[in-house]
Amino acid sequence: MDVAEVQQLADGLDEFVGDVFASLTRSGWQGRATDHLRGLMLDGQRKSIQPMAARLAGPNEQALNHFVTNSPWDAAGVRRRLAART
């Protein structure tokens, strides 16, 4: 997907993150979850933090890395929420 295609999904993506990552209550973490998902959806072969941050206009590499390594999201809880959405 290119940036315009991802932007068209912005409202739905925000709703999805708010629901699936509801356990992330620290200020800014749901925003970083959104940034991370946008980075995963954008075109590009490498989906590691550095190239994703370079493709995204907003977050820097350090912020994304901090989110991925330190956010306390519950993988089992996310899977349950995803299953409930389908």
N, C-alpha and C. Protein backbone atom coordinates (compact mmCIF):
# COMPACT_ATOMS: atom_id res chain seq x y z
N MET A 1 0.84 -1.18 0.00
CA MET A 1 0.00 0.00 0.00
C MET A 1 0.88 1.24 0.00
N ASP A 2 0.40 2.28 -0.66
CA ASP A 2 1.14 3.53 -0.59
C ASP A 2 0.54 4.40 0.51
N VAL A 3 1.14 5.56 0.74
CA VAL A 3 0.74 6.44 1.83
C VAL A 3 -0.72 6.87 1.68
N ALA A 4 -1.15 7.19 0.47
CA ALA A 4 -2.53 7.61 0.25
C ALA A 4 -3.53 6.50 0.59
N GLU A 5 -3.21 5.28 0.23
CA GLU A 5 -4.10 4.16 0.54
C GLU A 5 -4.19 3.93 2.05
N VAL A 6 -3.08 4.02 2.73
CA VAL A 6 -3.09 3.85 4.18
C VAL A 6 -3.87 4.99 4.84
N GLN A 7 -3.72 6.21 4.32
CA GLN A 7 -4.43 7.36 4.87
C GLN A 7 -5.94 7.19 4.74
N GLN A 8 -6.39 6.56 3.67
CA GLN A 8 -7.83 6.32 3.48
C GLN A 8 -8.38 5.40 4.56
N LEU A 9 -7.52 4.61 5.16
CA LEU A 9 -7.94 3.68 6.22
C LEU A 9 -7.81 4.28 7.62
N ALA A 10 -7.45 5.55 7.73
CA ALA A 10 -7.09 6.17 9.01
C ALA A 10 -8.18 6.01 10.06
N ASP A 11 -9.44 6.33 9.74
CA ASP A 11 -10.51 6.24 10.74
C ASP A 11 -10.72 4.81 11.21
N GLY A 12 -10.76 3.88 10.28
CA GLY A 12 -10.94 2.48 10.64
C GLY A 12 -9.76 1.94 11.44
N LEU A 13 -8.56 2.38 11.09
CA LEU A 13 -7.37 1.93 11.81
C LEU A 13 -7.37 2.47 13.24
N ASP A 14 -7.75 3.73 13.41
CA ASP A 14 -7.84 4.31 14.75
C ASP A 14 -8.86 3.56 15.61
N GLU A 15 -9.99 3.22 15.03
CA GLU A 15 -11.02 2.46 15.75
C GLU A 15 -10.50 1.07 16.11
N PHE A 16 -9.85 0.42 15.17
CA PHE A 16 -9.27 -0.90 15.40
C PHE A 16 -8.26 -0.87 16.53
N VAL A 17 -7.34 0.08 16.50
CA VAL A 17 -6.32 0.18 17.54
C VAL A 17 -6.97 0.47 18.89
N GLY A 18 -7.95 1.37 18.92
CA GLY A 18 -8.64 1.68 20.17
C GLY A 18 -9.31 0.47 20.79
N ASP A 19 -9.82 -0.41 19.95
CA ASP A 19 -10.48 -1.62 20.44
C ASP A 19 -9.46 -2.70 20.81
N VAL A 20 -8.61 -3.03 19.88
CA VAL A 20 -7.70 -4.17 20.05
C VAL A 20 -6.60 -3.88 21.08
N PHE A 21 -6.13 -2.65 21.12
CA PHE A 21 -5.06 -2.29 22.04
C PHE A 21 -5.59 -1.43 23.20
N ALA A 22 -6.80 -1.69 23.63
CA ALA A 22 -7.40 -0.92 24.72
C ALA A 22 -6.59 -1.00 26.01
N SER A 23 -5.83 -2.05 26.18
CA SER A 23 -5.04 -2.21 27.40
C SER A 23 -3.84 -1.26 27.45
N LEU A 24 -3.51 -0.61 26.33
CA LEU A 24 -2.40 0.34 26.31
C LEU A 24 -2.92 1.70 26.79
N THR A 25 -2.80 1.96 28.07
CA THR A 25 -3.37 3.17 28.65
C THR A 25 -2.35 4.29 28.82
N ARG A 26 -1.07 4.01 28.68
CA ARG A 26 -0.06 5.06 28.80
C ARG A 26 -0.20 6.04 27.64
N SER A 27 -0.05 7.31 27.95
CA SER A 27 -0.20 8.36 26.96
C SER A 27 0.69 8.11 25.74
N GLY A 28 0.11 8.12 24.58
CA GLY A 28 0.85 7.98 23.34
C GLY A 28 1.03 6.57 22.82
N TRP A 29 0.79 5.57 23.63
CA TRP A 29 1.06 4.20 23.17
C TRP A 29 0.08 3.72 22.12
N GLN A 30 -1.19 4.12 22.21
CA GLN A 30 -2.11 3.72 21.14
C GLN A 30 -1.73 4.42 19.84
N GLY A 31 -1.24 5.64 19.94
CA GLY A 31 -0.76 6.34 18.75
C GLY A 31 0.43 5.64 18.13
N ARG A 32 1.33 5.14 18.98
CA ARG A 32 2.49 4.40 18.47
C ARG A 32 2.05 3.07 17.87
N ALA A 33 1.02 2.45 18.46
CA ALA A 33 0.49 1.21 17.87
C ALA A 33 -0.04 1.49 16.47
N THR A 34 -0.73 2.60 16.32
CA THR A 34 -1.24 3.00 15.00
C THR A 34 -0.08 3.23 14.04
N ASP A 35 0.94 3.95 14.49
CA ASP A 35 2.11 4.20 13.64
C ASP A 35 2.77 2.88 13.22
N HIS A 36 2.91 1.97 14.16
CA HIS A 36 3.54 0.68 13.86
C HIS A 36 2.73 -0.09 12.82
N LEU A 37 1.42 -0.13 12.98
CA LEU A 37 0.58 -0.83 12.01
C LEU A 37 0.63 -0.16 10.65
N ARG A 38 0.63 1.18 10.62
CA ARG A 38 0.77 1.89 9.34
C ARG A 38 2.08 1.51 8.67
N GLY A 39 3.15 1.45 9.44
CA GLY A 39 4.45 1.07 8.89
C GLY A 39 4.45 -0.33 8.32
N LEU A 40 3.74 -1.24 8.98
CA LEU A 40 3.65 -2.61 8.48
C LEU A 40 2.84 -2.68 7.18
N MET A 41 1.85 -1.80 7.04
CA MET A 41 1.00 -1.83 5.85
C MET A 41 1.63 -1.15 4.64
N LEU A 42 2.54 -0.20 4.87
CA LEU A 42 3.14 0.53 3.75
C LEU A 42 4.04 -0.37 2.91
N ASP A 43 4.14 0.01 1.64
CA ASP A 43 5.05 -0.70 0.73
C ASP A 43 6.46 -0.68 1.28
N GLY A 44 7.20 -1.69 0.97
CA GLY A 44 8.59 -1.79 1.39
C GLY A 44 8.88 -3.21 1.81
N GLN A 45 10.02 -3.70 1.41
CA GLN A 45 10.36 -5.08 1.73
C GLN A 45 10.72 -5.26 3.18
N ARG A 46 11.44 -4.32 3.76
CA ARG A 46 11.90 -4.47 5.14
C ARG A 46 10.87 -3.89 6.10
N LYS A 47 10.44 -4.69 7.04
CA LYS A 47 9.43 -4.27 8.01
C LYS A 47 10.02 -4.11 9.41
N SER A 48 11.33 -3.91 9.49
CA SER A 48 11.95 -3.64 10.78
C SER A 48 11.79 -2.15 11.09
N ILE A 49 12.11 -1.77 12.31
CA ILE A 49 11.83 -0.43 12.81
C ILE A 49 12.47 0.67 11.97
N GLN A 50 13.75 0.56 11.68
CA GLN A 50 14.46 1.64 10.98
C GLN A 50 13.85 1.97 9.61
N PRO A 51 13.63 1.00 8.73
CA PRO A 51 13.04 1.35 7.44
C PRO A 51 11.58 1.80 7.56
N MET A 52 10.85 1.24 8.52
CA MET A 52 9.46 1.68 8.69
C MET A 52 9.42 3.13 9.14
N ALA A 53 10.25 3.51 10.09
CA ALA A 53 10.29 4.90 10.58
C ALA A 53 10.66 5.84 9.44
N ALA A 54 11.55 5.42 8.56
CA ALA A 54 11.94 6.26 7.43
C ALA A 54 10.77 6.48 6.46
N ARG A 55 9.88 5.49 6.33
CA ARG A 55 8.74 5.62 5.43
C ARG A 55 7.60 6.43 6.04
N LEU A 56 7.52 6.48 7.37
CA LEU A 56 6.45 7.19 8.04
C LEU A 56 6.83 8.66 8.23
N ALA A 57 5.86 9.53 8.10
CA ALA A 57 6.13 10.96 8.23
C ALA A 57 6.24 11.39 9.70
N GLY A 58 5.53 10.73 10.59
CA GLY A 58 5.44 11.21 11.96
C GLY A 58 6.47 10.71 12.95
N PRO A 59 6.39 9.45 13.33
CA PRO A 59 7.21 8.99 14.46
C PRO A 59 8.68 8.81 14.07
N ASN A 60 9.52 8.95 15.06
CA ASN A 60 10.93 8.68 14.78
C ASN A 60 11.25 7.24 15.16
N GLU A 61 12.42 6.83 14.75
CA GLU A 61 12.84 5.44 14.97
C GLU A 61 12.87 5.07 16.45
N GLN A 62 13.35 5.97 17.28
CA GLN A 62 13.45 5.69 18.72
C GLN A 62 12.07 5.48 19.33
N ALA A 63 11.09 6.28 18.94
CA ALA A 63 9.74 6.14 19.48
C ALA A 63 9.12 4.80 19.10
N LEU A 64 9.29 4.40 17.85
CA LEU A 64 8.76 3.10 17.42
C LEU A 64 9.48 1.95 18.13
N ASN A 65 10.78 2.06 18.23
CA ASN A 65 11.54 1.02 18.91
C ASN A 65 11.11 0.90 20.38
N HIS A 66 10.91 2.02 21.03
CA HIS A 66 10.47 2.02 22.43
C HIS A 66 9.11 1.33 22.56
N PHE A 67 8.20 1.64 21.63
CA PHE A 67 6.88 1.01 21.66
C PHE A 67 7.00 -0.50 21.51
N VAL A 68 7.74 -0.96 20.52
CA VAL A 68 7.84 -2.39 20.24
C VAL A 68 8.49 -3.14 21.39
N THR A 69 9.51 -2.56 21.99
CA THR A 69 10.25 -3.27 23.03
C THR A 69 9.67 -3.12 24.43
N ASN A 70 8.89 -2.06 24.68
CA ASN A 70 8.47 -1.77 26.06
C ASN A 70 6.97 -1.74 26.30
N SER A 71 6.15 -1.72 25.28
CA SER A 71 4.71 -1.63 25.53
C SER A 71 4.19 -2.95 26.12
N PRO A 72 3.34 -2.85 27.12
CA PRO A 72 2.90 -4.06 27.83
C PRO A 72 1.63 -4.68 27.26
N TRP A 73 1.47 -4.68 25.97
CA TRP A 73 0.23 -5.24 25.44
C TRP A 73 0.22 -6.75 25.62
N ASP A 74 -0.96 -7.23 25.82
CA ASP A 74 -1.20 -8.63 26.11
C ASP A 74 -1.55 -9.36 24.81
N ALA A 75 -0.63 -10.17 24.31
CA ALA A 75 -0.84 -10.86 23.03
C ALA A 75 -2.10 -11.73 23.06
N ALA A 76 -2.34 -12.43 24.15
CA ALA A 76 -3.54 -13.28 24.24
C ALA A 76 -4.80 -12.42 24.21
N GLY A 77 -4.76 -11.29 24.88
CA GLY A 77 -5.91 -10.38 24.87
C GLY A 77 -6.18 -9.82 23.48
N VAL A 78 -5.13 -9.49 22.76
CA VAL A 78 -5.28 -8.99 21.39
C VAL A 78 -5.88 -10.08 20.51
N ARG A 79 -5.41 -11.30 20.65
CA ARG A 79 -5.97 -12.41 19.85
C ARG A 79 -7.46 -12.60 20.15
N ARG A 80 -7.83 -12.52 21.43
CA ARG A 80 -9.25 -12.67 21.80
C ARG A 80 -10.09 -11.55 21.17
N ARG A 81 -9.61 -10.33 21.25
CA ARG A 81 -10.34 -9.20 20.66
C ARG A 81 -10.46 -9.35 19.15
N LEU A 82 -9.38 -9.79 18.51
CA LEU A 82 -9.44 -10.01 17.07
C LEU A 82 -10.45 -11.09 16.70
N ALA A 83 -10.46 -12.17 17.47
CA ALA A 83 -11.39 -13.26 17.22
C ALA A 83 -12.83 -12.77 17.40
N ALA A 84 -13.06 -11.92 18.37
CA ALA A 84 -14.40 -11.42 18.64
C ALA A 84 -14.88 -10.48 17.54
N ARG A 85 -13.94 -9.82 16.86
CA ARG A 85 -14.31 -8.88 15.78
C ARG A 85 -14.74 -9.61 14.52
N THR A 86 -14.35 -10.87 14.35
CA THR A 86 -14.68 -11.56 13.10
C THR A 86 -15.95 -12.34 13.20
